[in-house]
Protein backbone atom coordinates (compact mmCIF):
# COMPACT_ATOMS: atom_id res chain seq x y z
CA UNK A 1 154.95 21.07 87.51
CA UNK A 2 154.03 23.48 84.74
CA UNK A 3 156.69 24.58 82.32
CA UNK A 4 157.68 28.23 81.97
CA UNK A 5 155.94 28.38 78.58
CA UNK A 6 152.72 27.04 80.09
CA UNK A 7 152.85 29.61 82.89
CA UNK A 8 153.32 32.47 80.41
CA UNK A 9 150.45 31.30 78.21
CA UNK A 10 148.15 30.64 81.19
CA UNK A 11 148.80 34.11 82.58
CA UNK A 12 148.13 35.60 79.15
CA UNK A 13 144.81 33.82 78.95
CA UNK A 14 143.72 34.53 82.52
CA UNK A 15 144.51 38.27 82.53
CA UNK A 16 146.90 38.56 80.27
CA UNK A 17 175.69 37.93 91.72
CA UNK A 18 178.69 36.24 90.74
CA UNK A 19 178.37 39.78 92.31
CA UNK A 20 175.71 42.44 92.43
CA UNK A 21 175.66 45.03 89.68
CA UNK A 22 179.16 46.39 89.15
CA UNK A 23 180.53 49.45 87.40
CA UNK A 24 180.73 47.83 83.99
CA UNK A 25 177.79 46.93 81.75
CA UNK A 26 178.12 43.50 80.14
CA UNK A 27 176.78 43.26 76.59
CA UNK A 28 175.73 40.35 74.42
CA UNK A 29 176.65 39.66 70.80
CA UNK A 30 173.92 42.05 69.62
CA UNK A 31 175.24 44.92 71.72
CA UNK A 32 172.45 44.79 74.28
CA UNK A 33 173.21 44.89 77.97
CA UNK A 34 172.89 41.68 79.95
CA UNK A 35 170.20 41.68 82.65
CA UNK A 36 171.05 42.15 86.31
CA UNK A 37 168.20 39.70 87.08
CA UNK A 38 167.71 41.29 90.52
CA UNK A 39 164.40 40.47 92.18
CA UNK A 40 162.70 41.52 95.41
CA UNK A 41 163.87 39.04 98.07
CA UNK A 42 160.67 39.07 100.14
CA UNK A 43 158.52 38.03 97.19
CA UNK A 44 160.55 34.82 96.95
CA UNK A 45 160.77 34.37 100.72
CA UNK A 46 156.96 34.08 100.96
CA UNK A 47 155.83 32.87 97.51
CA UNK A 48 152.42 31.66 98.68
CA UNK A 49 151.49 34.93 100.43
CA UNK A 50 150.30 36.92 97.41
CA UNK A 51 147.62 34.85 95.73
CA UNK A 52 147.40 31.75 93.58
CA UNK A 53 148.49 33.60 90.43
CA UNK A 54 151.92 34.25 91.92
CA UNK A 55 152.58 31.10 93.94
CA UNK A 56 153.96 28.79 91.25
CA UNK A 57 156.29 31.20 89.38
CA UNK A 58 157.60 32.72 92.63
CA UNK A 59 158.17 29.25 94.09
CA UNK A 60 160.09 28.18 90.99
CA UNK A 61 162.20 31.33 91.13
CA UNK A 62 162.89 30.67 94.82
CA UNK A 63 164.03 27.13 94.00
CA UNK A 64 166.24 28.49 91.23
CA UNK A 65 168.00 30.90 93.60
CA UNK A 66 168.48 28.29 96.34
CA UNK A 67 169.74 25.68 93.86
CA UNK A 68 171.83 27.70 91.39
CA UNK A 69 172.09 31.21 92.83
CA UNK A 70 175.20 33.01 94.03
CA UNK A 71 176.23 32.75 97.69
CA UNK A 72 175.04 36.26 98.58
CA UNK A 73 171.56 35.71 97.12
CA UNK A 74 171.13 32.28 98.72
CA UNK A 75 172.18 33.53 102.16
CA UNK A 76 169.91 36.56 101.91
CA UNK A 77 166.92 34.43 100.97
CA UNK A 78 167.65 31.80 103.60
CA UNK A 79 167.95 34.44 106.33
CA UNK A 80 164.52 35.95 105.69
CA UNK A 81 162.28 35.99 108.79
CA UNK A 82 159.63 33.32 109.20
CA UNK A 83 156.31 34.25 107.65
CA UNK A 84 154.61 34.79 111.01
CA UNK A 85 157.22 37.46 111.75
CA UNK A 86 156.91 39.19 108.38
CA UNK A 87 153.27 40.26 108.18
CA UNK A 88 154.17 43.95 107.97
CA UNK A 89 156.49 43.30 105.02
CA UNK A 90 153.94 41.07 103.31
CA UNK A 91 151.28 43.78 103.64
CA UNK A 92 153.66 46.29 102.08
CA UNK A 93 154.30 44.03 99.10
CA UNK A 94 150.61 43.29 98.67
CA UNK A 95 149.97 47.02 98.58
CA UNK A 96 152.53 47.46 95.79
CA UNK A 97 151.04 44.57 93.82
CA UNK A 98 147.58 46.11 94.16
CA UNK A 99 148.94 49.36 92.73
CA UNK A 100 150.46 47.84 89.59
CA UNK A 101 149.23 49.34 86.30
CA UNK A 102 146.24 47.54 84.85
CA UNK A 103 146.37 45.79 81.50
CA UNK A 104 144.61 48.82 80.01
CA UNK A 105 147.23 51.19 81.36
CA UNK A 106 150.12 48.96 80.26
CA UNK A 107 148.87 49.02 76.68
CA UNK A 108 147.93 52.74 76.75
CA UNK A 109 150.15 55.39 75.19
CA UNK A 110 153.01 57.17 76.89
CA UNK A 111 155.46 59.59 75.29
CA UNK A 112 158.90 60.79 76.37
CA UNK A 113 160.61 63.72 74.69
CA UNK A 114 164.11 65.16 74.96
CA UNK A 115 163.11 68.80 74.71
CA UNK A 116 163.52 71.53 77.34
CA UNK A 117 164.87 68.74 79.53
CA UNK A 118 162.83 65.55 79.69
CA UNK A 119 159.09 65.74 79.02
CA UNK A 120 156.80 62.85 80.01
CA UNK A 121 153.29 62.55 78.58
CA UNK A 122 150.86 60.04 80.12
CA UNK A 123 147.41 58.71 79.27
CA UNK A 124 146.68 57.60 82.86
CA UNK A 125 147.25 59.16 86.29
CA UNK A 126 150.12 58.23 88.58
CA UNK A 127 148.36 57.02 91.76
CA UNK A 128 148.82 59.51 94.60
CA UNK A 129 150.52 62.16 92.48
CA UNK A 130 149.65 65.84 92.84
CA UNK A 131 151.56 68.49 90.91
CA UNK A 132 155.05 67.02 91.23
CA UNK A 133 156.73 63.67 90.80
CA UNK A 134 159.94 62.03 91.90
CA UNK A 135 161.74 60.89 88.76
CA UNK A 136 164.65 58.44 88.56
CA UNK A 137 166.43 57.82 85.27
CA UNK A 138 168.96 55.18 84.28
CA UNK A 139 170.48 54.76 80.84
CA UNK A 140 171.29 51.32 79.52
CA UNK A 141 175.00 52.07 79.21
CA UNK A 142 175.69 53.44 82.68
CA UNK A 143 175.21 52.04 86.21
CA UNK A 144 174.30 55.35 87.89
CA UNK A 145 170.68 56.27 88.64
CA UNK A 146 169.85 59.99 88.53
CA UNK A 147 167.02 61.35 90.70
CA UNK A 148 165.17 64.65 90.21
CA UNK A 149 161.81 66.35 90.62
CA UNK A 150 159.29 66.81 87.80
CA UNK A 151 156.60 69.48 87.70
CA UNK A 152 153.22 69.15 86.05
CA UNK A 153 152.84 71.45 83.04
CA UNK A 154 150.19 72.25 80.48
CA UNK A 155 150.28 70.34 77.21
CA UNK A 156 151.58 72.62 74.45
CA UNK A 157 150.18 72.51 70.93
CA UNK A 158 153.41 70.82 69.82
CA UNK A 159 152.95 68.06 72.38
CA UNK A 160 149.31 67.58 71.44
CA UNK A 161 150.22 67.41 67.75
CA UNK A 162 152.86 64.75 68.41
CA UNK A 163 150.45 62.85 70.65
CA UNK A 164 147.83 62.73 67.91
CA UNK A 165 150.42 61.98 65.23
CA UNK A 166 151.31 58.80 67.11
CA UNK A 167 147.68 57.67 66.82
CA UNK A 168 146.24 58.81 70.15
CA UNK A 169 142.89 60.57 69.59
CA UNK A 170 142.25 61.52 73.23
CA UNK A 171 144.19 64.27 74.97
CA UNK A 172 146.83 63.07 77.47
CA UNK A 173 145.94 62.88 81.14
CA UNK A 174 149.05 64.77 82.27
CA UNK A 175 152.35 66.23 81.10
CA UNK A 176 155.47 66.44 83.31
CA UNK A 177 158.81 68.13 82.83
CA UNK A 178 162.16 67.67 84.60
CA UNK A 179 165.77 68.64 84.00
CA UNK A 180 168.21 65.70 83.95
CA UNK A 181 171.96 66.36 83.81
CA UNK A 182 173.26 67.16 80.34
CA UNK A 183 175.18 63.89 79.96
CA UNK A 184 171.90 61.95 79.83
CA UNK A 185 170.39 64.06 77.04
CA UNK A 186 169.68 62.24 73.80
CA UNK A 187 169.96 58.62 74.98
CA UNK A 188 167.39 56.28 73.42
CA UNK A 189 167.93 53.25 75.61
CA UNK A 190 166.90 54.40 79.08
CA UNK A 191 164.25 53.82 81.72
CA UNK A 192 162.29 56.37 83.74
CA UNK A 193 160.74 55.63 87.11
CA UNK A 194 158.03 58.07 88.24
CA UNK A 195 156.44 58.12 91.68
CA UNK A 196 154.35 60.60 93.71
CA UNK A 197 156.22 63.33 95.57
CA UNK A 198 154.58 64.24 98.92
CA UNK A 199 154.52 67.90 99.95
CA UNK A 200 153.61 67.39 103.60
CA UNK A 201 153.00 64.82 106.33
CA UNK A 202 149.32 64.18 105.54
CA UNK A 203 150.07 63.74 101.86
CA UNK A 204 152.97 61.44 102.74
CA UNK A 205 150.59 59.31 104.80
CA UNK A 206 148.18 59.05 101.89
CA UNK A 207 150.92 58.23 99.39
CA UNK A 208 152.43 55.64 101.72
CA UNK A 209 149.23 53.61 101.56
CA UNK A 210 147.68 54.54 98.20
CA UNK A 211 150.52 55.84 96.03
CA UNK A 212 152.20 53.77 93.33
CA UNK A 213 155.11 54.14 90.94
CA UNK A 214 155.43 53.48 87.22
CA UNK A 215 158.32 52.60 84.89
CA UNK A 216 158.49 54.03 81.39
CA UNK A 217 160.75 52.37 78.82
CA UNK A 218 161.09 54.24 75.50
CA UNK A 219 161.42 52.10 72.43
CA UNK A 220 162.02 52.56 68.74
CA UNK A 221 160.02 50.05 66.74
CA UNK A 222 157.63 49.84 63.82
CA UNK A 223 155.01 51.83 65.73
CA UNK A 224 157.32 54.76 66.48
CA UNK A 225 157.43 57.97 64.47
CA UNK A 226 161.08 57.87 63.37
CA UNK A 227 160.88 61.40 61.95
CA UNK A 228 161.72 62.73 65.42
CA UNK A 229 163.99 60.35 67.38
CA UNK A 230 163.84 62.76 70.34
CA UNK A 231 160.12 61.97 70.79
CA UNK A 232 159.64 58.31 71.64
CA UNK A 233 156.72 56.07 72.44
CA UNK A 234 157.21 54.38 75.82
CA UNK A 235 155.89 51.22 77.43
CA UNK A 236 154.31 51.54 80.88
CA UNK A 237 155.63 48.88 83.26
CA UNK A 238 155.19 48.14 87.00
CA UNK A 239 157.46 49.72 89.59
CA UNK A 240 158.37 48.37 93.02
CA UNK A 241 158.69 51.88 94.45
CA UNK A 242 157.36 52.21 97.99
CA UNK A 243 157.27 55.15 100.38
CA UNK A 244 156.24 53.00 103.33
CA UNK A 245 159.04 52.51 105.83
CA UNK A 246 158.43 51.53 109.43
CA UNK A 247 158.57 54.19 112.16
CA UNK A 248 159.60 52.31 115.30
CA UNK A 249 159.60 55.25 117.70
CA UNK A 250 156.48 53.85 119.39
CA UNK A 251 158.09 50.59 120.46
CA UNK A 252 159.05 47.24 119.01
CA UNK A 253 155.72 46.35 117.40
CA UNK A 254 155.11 46.17 113.66
CA UNK A 255 155.15 49.68 112.19
CA UNK A 256 152.56 51.01 109.78
CA UNK A 257 153.59 54.63 109.25
CA UNK A 258 156.10 56.32 106.96
CA UNK A 259 159.03 58.27 108.32
CA UNK A 260 159.83 60.17 105.18
CA UNK A 261 162.02 57.91 103.06
CA UNK A 262 161.52 55.18 100.45
CA UNK A 263 161.55 51.67 101.81
CA UNK A 264 164.94 49.99 101.28
CA UNK A 265 164.80 47.07 98.88
CA UNK A 266 166.74 43.82 99.31
CA UNK A 267 167.25 41.97 96.05
CA UNK A 268 168.48 38.53 95.09
CA UNK A 269 169.73 37.43 91.67
CA UNK A 270 167.57 34.89 89.83
CA UNK A 271 169.84 32.60 87.74
CA UNK A 272 167.20 31.62 85.15
CA UNK A 273 166.66 34.56 82.78
CA UNK A 274 163.31 33.36 81.43
CA UNK A 275 161.94 32.67 84.87
CA UNK A 276 163.19 36.04 86.06
CA UNK A 277 161.50 37.81 83.13
CA UNK A 278 158.19 36.11 83.91
CA UNK A 279 158.24 36.91 87.64
CA UNK A 280 159.48 40.47 87.16
CA UNK A 281 156.80 41.19 84.56
CA UNK A 282 154.11 39.91 86.91
CA UNK A 283 155.49 42.01 89.77
CA UNK A 284 158.36 44.47 89.15
CA UNK A 285 162.11 44.69 88.57
CA UNK A 286 164.44 45.52 91.45
CA UNK A 287 166.92 46.98 88.94
CA UNK A 288 165.69 49.79 86.71
CA UNK A 289 167.93 48.64 83.86
CA UNK A 290 166.31 45.20 83.86
CA UNK A 291 163.07 46.81 82.65
CA UNK A 292 164.87 47.79 79.42
CA UNK A 293 166.04 44.20 78.95
CA UNK A 294 162.52 42.82 79.50
CA UNK A 295 161.02 45.34 77.06
CA UNK A 296 163.63 44.32 74.46
CA UNK A 297 162.67 40.64 74.65
CA UNK A 298 160.91 39.26 71.58
CA UNK A 299 158.24 37.69 73.84
CA UNK A 300 157.56 40.91 75.74
CA UNK A 301 153.99 41.14 74.40
CA UNK A 302 153.17 37.85 76.14
CA UNK A 303 153.68 39.65 79.44
CA UNK A 304 151.24 42.50 78.64
């Protein structure tokens, strides 16, 4: 069986709890938070259902959970329905995988700014988004996730100047602004999840099948303009957001329509950190904070 290193390199060439998360953030010797390592349970329950690219790493992660995982994660994975009874769930996950950002989008610019609230500047569209987004924010040092609405705004001259100053010759595709609570203001280590915000039933139907979310992780590195720490370059990463949740009012058959709420996610903890990082980078993280940890890894560029 291929080693983890071989899987990472092959993917690069081809395309390039004890307990669940508690109220305290554990940190390593360098002051960075430890990963939650939470991963979508259904991806591991049916590792051969999503294409050859995913089969081996998902199978290895499944074996890791069943062999070394905590009791809760093992029981959750073992109790998953048989594949023939999970086609609706598998279709939902395939739809999310199909909506992941392309390699071009993942390496394209994104900018987040702490000014007049939180401003988000993107080079690519958010699939299914109109003039508003649902935004969720989590800082590295706190377990709470804050949700809010962002409105699309025109790019000011100041934003355009900062965009160009960071080496981006083309104008941004869109600019969004939201108002997080004051206690979040100024944090550098945080993650932003953005997803389309439906304004009516027909739009909700469209988003349920064609919409997709994105994660943005700001980072301060050699490529960042340190003259303004409130304006930060951000990496675009995949999100497991999904609006599709079964409406069973028509009977007991498999449901295909949304009923107006995000689909609940069941996550298991993957014991092996490297294996978790590989699988989560190929798919998505079930914990927002884990995206920060993956972006901080020295081998993050191998996943792009």
